[in-house]
């Protein structure tokens, strides 16, 4: 079983030694003397766009006022008003929150 290596903090004093260790590891990998650990990061797709109608429909479906939705999302009430009028679009982080509310409506009870 592989042991987890402790991360070493890079400082001006140990930078040269760590750089040489990295070069040595690169050479060993190139020669086939060692394998490298791989990890794959999953990227979350960007949150969906919400039209002005979709935002208003979501808000009314859960019987929320513009003020309350704004409070839940951490924005000003004028922002919700502008989204619903099509004047502005919500940020990606707000769209993600709207997506969560849409998919997991029970979350409203936990945050309200």
N, C-alpha and C. Protein backbone atom coordinates (compact mmCIF):
# COMPACT_ATOMS: atom_id res chain seq x y z
N UNK A 1 0.84 -1.16 0.00
CA UNK A 1 0.00 0.00 0.00
C UNK A 1 0.89 1.24 0.00
N UNK A 2 0.53 2.21 -0.84
CA UNK A 2 1.32 3.43 -0.94
C UNK A 2 1.06 4.32 0.26
N UNK A 3 2.14 4.93 0.73
CA UNK A 3 1.98 5.86 1.84
C UNK A 3 1.82 7.26 1.29
N UNK A 4 1.02 8.04 1.97
CA UNK A 4 0.79 9.41 1.54
C UNK A 4 1.98 10.26 1.97
N UNK A 5 2.54 10.99 1.02
CA UNK A 5 3.69 11.83 1.31
C UNK A 5 3.23 13.15 1.90
N UNK A 6 3.97 13.59 2.88
CA UNK A 6 3.67 14.86 3.51
C UNK A 6 4.14 15.98 2.58
N UNK A 7 3.28 17.00 2.38
CA UNK A 7 3.65 18.12 1.51
C UNK A 7 4.71 18.97 2.21
N UNK A 8 5.72 19.32 1.45
CA UNK A 8 6.80 20.15 1.95
C UNK A 8 6.56 21.58 1.53
N UNK A 9 6.66 22.49 2.47
CA UNK A 9 6.50 23.91 2.15
C UNK A 9 7.77 24.39 1.46
N UNK A 10 7.59 25.06 0.34
CA UNK A 10 8.73 25.58 -0.42
C UNK A 10 9.15 26.92 0.17
N UNK A 11 10.42 27.01 0.50
CA UNK A 11 10.98 28.25 1.02
C UNK A 11 12.21 28.61 0.19
N UNK A 12 12.73 29.78 0.41
CA UNK A 12 13.93 30.18 -0.33
C UNK A 12 15.13 29.30 0.06
N UNK A 13 15.11 28.73 1.26
CA UNK A 13 16.21 27.88 1.70
C UNK A 13 16.18 26.50 1.07
N UNK A 14 14.97 25.94 0.85
CA UNK A 14 14.91 24.57 0.33
C UNK A 14 14.55 24.50 -1.15
N UNK A 15 14.35 25.64 -1.79
CA UNK A 15 13.92 25.66 -3.18
C UNK A 15 14.88 24.89 -4.09
N UNK A 16 16.17 25.14 -3.97
CA UNK A 16 17.16 24.47 -4.82
C UNK A 16 17.13 22.97 -4.66
N UNK A 17 17.08 22.48 -3.41
CA UNK A 17 17.04 21.04 -3.16
C UNK A 17 15.77 20.42 -3.74
N UNK A 18 14.63 21.10 -3.55
CA UNK A 18 13.38 20.57 -4.08
C UNK A 18 13.37 20.55 -5.61
N UNK A 19 13.98 21.55 -6.20
CA UNK A 19 14.08 21.60 -7.66
C UNK A 19 14.91 20.43 -8.18
N UNK A 20 16.04 20.17 -7.52
CA UNK A 20 16.89 19.04 -7.92
C UNK A 20 16.16 17.71 -7.73
N UNK A 21 15.40 17.56 -6.65
CA UNK A 21 14.63 16.34 -6.43
C UNK A 21 13.61 16.15 -7.56
N UNK A 22 12.98 17.24 -7.97
CA UNK A 22 11.98 17.16 -9.05
C UNK A 22 12.63 16.75 -10.36
N UNK A 23 13.79 17.30 -10.66
CA UNK A 23 14.51 16.93 -11.88
C UNK A 23 14.90 15.46 -11.82
N UNK A 24 15.37 15.00 -10.66
CA UNK A 24 15.75 13.60 -10.49
C UNK A 24 14.53 12.69 -10.71
N UNK A 25 13.39 13.08 -10.16
CA UNK A 25 12.18 12.29 -10.36
C UNK A 25 11.77 12.27 -11.83
N UNK A 26 11.91 13.41 -12.51
CA UNK A 26 11.60 13.47 -13.94
C UNK A 26 12.48 12.53 -14.75
N UNK A 27 13.76 12.48 -14.42
CA UNK A 27 14.68 11.57 -15.12
C UNK A 27 14.33 10.12 -14.85
N UNK A 28 14.03 9.80 -13.59
CA UNK A 28 13.65 8.42 -13.26
C UNK A 28 12.38 8.02 -14.00
N UNK A 29 11.42 8.92 -14.10
CA UNK A 29 10.19 8.62 -14.83
C UNK A 29 10.50 8.38 -16.31
N UNK A 30 11.35 9.24 -16.89
CA UNK A 30 11.71 9.11 -18.30
C UNK A 30 12.41 7.78 -18.58
N UNK A 31 13.21 7.33 -17.63
CA UNK A 31 13.93 6.06 -17.79
C UNK A 31 13.05 4.85 -17.46
N UNK A 32 11.84 5.09 -17.00
CA UNK A 32 10.95 3.99 -16.64
C UNK A 32 11.24 3.42 -15.26
N UNK A 33 11.98 4.14 -14.45
CA UNK A 33 12.35 3.66 -13.12
C UNK A 33 11.29 3.98 -12.06
N UNK A 34 10.34 4.81 -12.41
CA UNK A 34 9.26 5.12 -11.47
C UNK A 34 8.01 5.54 -12.24
N UNK A 35 6.88 5.41 -11.60
CA UNK A 35 5.63 5.87 -12.20
C UNK A 35 5.14 7.09 -11.42
N UNK A 36 4.40 7.88 -12.10
CA UNK A 36 3.87 9.08 -11.47
C UNK A 36 2.42 8.86 -11.07
N UNK A 37 2.04 9.51 -10.01
CA UNK A 37 0.66 9.45 -9.56
C UNK A 37 -0.16 10.34 -10.48
N UNK A 38 -1.33 9.83 -10.87
CA UNK A 38 -2.20 10.60 -11.75
C UNK A 38 -3.49 10.91 -11.01
N UNK A 39 -4.04 12.03 -11.32
CA UNK A 39 -5.37 12.35 -10.82
C UNK A 39 -6.12 13.08 -11.92
N UNK A 40 -7.40 12.84 -11.96
CA UNK A 40 -8.24 13.46 -12.97
C UNK A 40 -9.23 14.36 -12.26
N UNK A 41 -9.25 15.59 -12.65
CA UNK A 41 -10.19 16.53 -12.05
C UNK A 41 -11.43 16.61 -12.93
N UNK A 42 -12.57 16.51 -12.29
CA UNK A 42 -13.82 16.67 -13.02
C UNK A 42 -14.21 18.14 -12.97
N UNK A 43 -14.42 18.70 -14.13
CA UNK A 43 -14.84 20.08 -14.19
C UNK A 43 -16.36 20.13 -14.24
N UNK A 44 -16.91 20.93 -13.38
CA UNK A 44 -18.35 21.08 -13.35
C UNK A 44 -18.76 21.99 -14.50
N UNK A 45 -19.76 21.57 -15.25
CA UNK A 45 -20.19 22.45 -16.35
C UNK A 45 -20.72 23.77 -15.80
N UNK A 46 -20.66 24.77 -16.62
CA UNK A 46 -21.16 26.08 -16.17
C UNK A 46 -22.64 25.97 -15.86
N UNK A 47 -23.12 26.76 -14.92
CA UNK A 47 -24.54 26.69 -14.57
C UNK A 47 -25.39 27.15 -15.75
N UNK A 48 -26.61 26.63 -15.83
CA UNK A 48 -27.46 27.00 -16.96
C UNK A 48 -27.87 28.47 -16.90
N UNK A 49 -28.21 29.00 -18.05
CA UNK A 49 -28.76 30.35 -18.10
C UNK A 49 -30.20 30.30 -17.60
N UNK A 50 -30.62 31.34 -16.95
CA UNK A 50 -32.00 31.47 -16.51
C UNK A 50 -32.57 32.71 -17.17
N UNK A 51 -33.61 32.51 -17.97
CA UNK A 51 -34.27 33.66 -18.59
C UNK A 51 -35.01 34.45 -17.54
N UNK A 52 -35.42 35.65 -17.89
CA UNK A 52 -36.17 36.48 -16.94
C UNK A 52 -37.45 35.77 -16.52
N UNK A 53 -38.09 35.09 -17.47
CA UNK A 53 -39.33 34.35 -17.16
C UNK A 53 -39.03 33.18 -16.24
N UNK A 54 -37.93 32.47 -16.48
CA UNK A 54 -37.58 31.31 -15.64
C UNK A 54 -37.31 31.74 -14.20
N UNK A 55 -36.67 32.89 -14.03
CA UNK A 55 -36.38 33.38 -12.67
C UNK A 55 -37.68 33.73 -11.96
N UNK A 56 -38.56 34.43 -12.68
CA UNK A 56 -39.84 34.81 -12.07
C UNK A 56 -40.68 33.56 -11.77
N UNK A 57 -40.70 32.61 -12.70
CA UNK A 57 -41.46 31.37 -12.49
C UNK A 57 -40.93 30.61 -11.27
N UNK A 58 -39.61 30.54 -11.14
CA UNK A 58 -39.01 29.85 -9.99
C UNK A 58 -39.40 30.55 -8.69
N UNK A 59 -39.33 31.86 -8.70
CA UNK A 59 -39.67 32.64 -7.50
C UNK A 59 -41.13 32.45 -7.12
N UNK A 60 -42.02 32.53 -8.10
CA UNK A 60 -43.45 32.40 -7.79
C UNK A 60 -43.83 30.96 -7.45
N UNK A 61 -43.14 30.01 -8.04
CA UNK A 61 -43.43 28.60 -7.73
C UNK A 61 -43.23 28.32 -6.24
N UNK A 62 -42.25 28.97 -5.64
CA UNK A 62 -41.96 28.75 -4.22
C UNK A 62 -42.53 29.88 -3.35
N UNK A 63 -43.41 30.70 -3.96
CA UNK A 63 -44.11 31.75 -3.23
C UNK A 63 -43.14 32.69 -2.52
N UNK A 64 -42.12 33.13 -3.26
CA UNK A 64 -41.12 34.04 -2.71
C UNK A 64 -41.32 35.43 -3.29
N UNK A 65 -41.15 36.43 -2.47
CA UNK A 65 -41.14 37.81 -2.97
C UNK A 65 -39.76 38.08 -3.56
N UNK A 66 -39.67 39.16 -4.33
CA UNK A 66 -38.36 39.53 -4.86
C UNK A 66 -37.39 39.83 -3.72
N UNK A 67 -37.90 40.48 -2.67
CA UNK A 67 -37.05 40.80 -1.52
C UNK A 67 -36.52 39.54 -0.85
N UNK A 68 -37.39 38.55 -0.67
CA UNK A 68 -36.96 37.32 0.01
C UNK A 68 -35.99 36.52 -0.86
N UNK A 69 -36.27 36.43 -2.15
CA UNK A 69 -35.33 35.72 -3.03
C UNK A 69 -33.97 36.42 -3.02
N UNK A 70 -33.99 37.74 -3.05
CA UNK A 70 -32.74 38.50 -3.00
C UNK A 70 -31.98 38.18 -1.71
N UNK A 71 -32.70 38.15 -0.61
CA UNK A 71 -32.07 37.85 0.68
C UNK A 71 -31.46 36.45 0.68
N UNK A 72 -32.19 35.48 0.14
CA UNK A 72 -31.69 34.10 0.10
C UNK A 72 -30.45 33.97 -0.78
N UNK A 73 -30.40 34.77 -1.85
CA UNK A 73 -29.27 34.70 -2.78
C UNK A 73 -28.12 35.63 -2.41
N UNK A 74 -28.35 36.49 -1.42
CA UNK A 74 -27.30 37.42 -1.01
C UNK A 74 -27.09 38.56 -1.98
N UNK A 75 -28.18 39.00 -2.63
CA UNK A 75 -28.09 40.12 -3.56
C UNK A 75 -29.11 41.18 -3.16
N UNK A 76 -29.08 42.31 -3.82
CA UNK A 76 -30.04 43.38 -3.56
C UNK A 76 -31.36 43.06 -4.26
N UNK A 77 -32.47 43.49 -3.69
CA UNK A 77 -33.77 43.26 -4.34
C UNK A 77 -33.83 43.84 -5.75
N UNK A 78 -33.14 44.96 -5.97
CA UNK A 78 -33.13 45.55 -7.32
C UNK A 78 -32.50 44.59 -8.34
N UNK A 79 -31.57 43.76 -7.90
CA UNK A 79 -30.95 42.79 -8.82
C UNK A 79 -31.99 41.80 -9.31
N UNK A 80 -32.80 41.27 -8.40
CA UNK A 80 -33.86 40.32 -8.79
C UNK A 80 -34.83 41.01 -9.74
N UNK A 81 -35.20 42.23 -9.42
CA UNK A 81 -36.11 42.99 -10.28
C UNK A 81 -35.53 43.15 -11.69
N UNK A 82 -34.24 43.49 -11.76
CA UNK A 82 -33.60 43.66 -13.07
C UNK A 82 -33.49 42.35 -13.84
N UNK A 83 -33.26 41.25 -13.14
CA UNK A 83 -33.21 39.94 -13.81
C UNK A 83 -34.57 39.62 -14.42
N UNK A 84 -35.62 39.85 -13.62
CA UNK A 84 -36.96 39.51 -14.09
C UNK A 84 -37.42 40.44 -15.21
N UNK A 85 -36.89 41.63 -15.28
CA UNK A 85 -37.23 42.56 -16.35
C UNK A 85 -36.33 42.35 -17.57
N UNK A 86 -35.34 41.50 -17.46
CA UNK A 86 -34.43 41.25 -18.57
C UNK A 86 -33.39 42.33 -18.75
N UNK A 87 -33.25 43.21 -17.77
CA UNK A 87 -32.27 44.31 -17.86
C UNK A 87 -30.85 43.78 -17.61
N UNK A 88 -30.74 42.88 -16.66
CA UNK A 88 -29.45 42.27 -16.32
C UNK A 88 -29.60 40.77 -16.24
N UNK A 89 -28.45 40.11 -16.22
CA UNK A 89 -28.42 38.65 -16.06
C UNK A 89 -27.70 38.32 -14.76
N UNK A 90 -28.14 37.28 -14.07
CA UNK A 90 -27.45 36.89 -12.83
C UNK A 90 -26.06 36.33 -13.11
N UNK A 91 -25.19 36.47 -12.11
CA UNK A 91 -23.83 35.94 -12.23
C UNK A 91 -23.87 34.41 -12.23
N UNK A 92 -22.74 33.82 -12.57
CA UNK A 92 -22.66 32.35 -12.59
C UNK A 92 -22.93 31.76 -11.22
N UNK A 93 -22.44 32.40 -10.16
CA UNK A 93 -22.67 31.86 -8.82
C UNK A 93 -24.15 31.92 -8.44
N UNK A 94 -24.83 32.98 -8.82
CA UNK A 94 -26.27 33.08 -8.55
C UNK A 94 -27.03 32.06 -9.39
N UNK A 95 -26.62 31.89 -10.65
CA UNK A 95 -27.29 30.87 -11.50
C UNK A 95 -27.12 29.49 -10.91
N UNK A 96 -25.94 29.21 -10.31
CA UNK A 96 -25.73 27.91 -9.67
C UNK A 96 -26.69 27.75 -8.49
N UNK A 97 -26.85 28.82 -7.69
CA UNK A 97 -27.78 28.76 -6.57
C UNK A 97 -29.21 28.55 -7.05
N UNK A 98 -29.59 29.24 -8.12
CA UNK A 98 -30.93 29.05 -8.69
C UNK A 98 -31.12 27.61 -9.17
N UNK A 99 -30.08 27.05 -9.75
CA UNK A 99 -30.13 25.66 -10.21
C UNK A 99 -30.32 24.72 -9.03
N UNK A 100 -29.61 24.97 -7.94
CA UNK A 100 -29.75 24.13 -6.76
C UNK A 100 -31.16 24.23 -6.20
N UNK A 101 -31.70 25.44 -6.14
CA UNK A 101 -33.07 25.62 -5.64
C UNK A 101 -34.05 24.88 -6.54
N UNK A 102 -33.83 24.95 -7.84
CA UNK A 102 -34.72 24.30 -8.80
C UNK A 102 -34.69 22.78 -8.65
N UNK A 103 -33.50 22.23 -8.45
CA UNK A 103 -33.33 20.78 -8.38
C UNK A 103 -33.63 20.23 -6.99
N UNK A 104 -33.27 20.99 -5.96
CA UNK A 104 -33.45 20.58 -4.56
C UNK A 104 -34.26 21.62 -3.80
N UNK A 105 -35.55 21.73 -4.09
CA UNK A 105 -36.34 22.80 -3.46
C UNK A 105 -36.39 22.72 -1.93
N UNK A 106 -36.14 21.55 -1.36
CA UNK A 106 -36.14 21.42 0.10
C UNK A 106 -35.04 22.25 0.74
N UNK A 107 -34.07 22.66 -0.05
CA UNK A 107 -32.97 23.46 0.48
C UNK A 107 -33.49 24.80 1.00
N UNK A 108 -34.60 25.27 0.43
CA UNK A 108 -35.16 26.54 0.87
C UNK A 108 -35.55 26.52 2.35
N UNK A 109 -36.07 25.39 2.79
CA UNK A 109 -36.45 25.27 4.20
C UNK A 109 -35.22 25.34 5.11
N UNK A 110 -34.10 24.88 4.61
CA UNK A 110 -32.88 24.85 5.42
C UNK A 110 -32.21 26.22 5.48
N UNK A 111 -32.37 27.03 4.43
CA UNK A 111 -31.67 28.31 4.41
C UNK A 111 -32.57 29.49 4.72
N UNK A 112 -33.88 29.29 4.67
CA UNK A 112 -34.80 30.42 4.92
C UNK A 112 -35.00 30.66 6.39
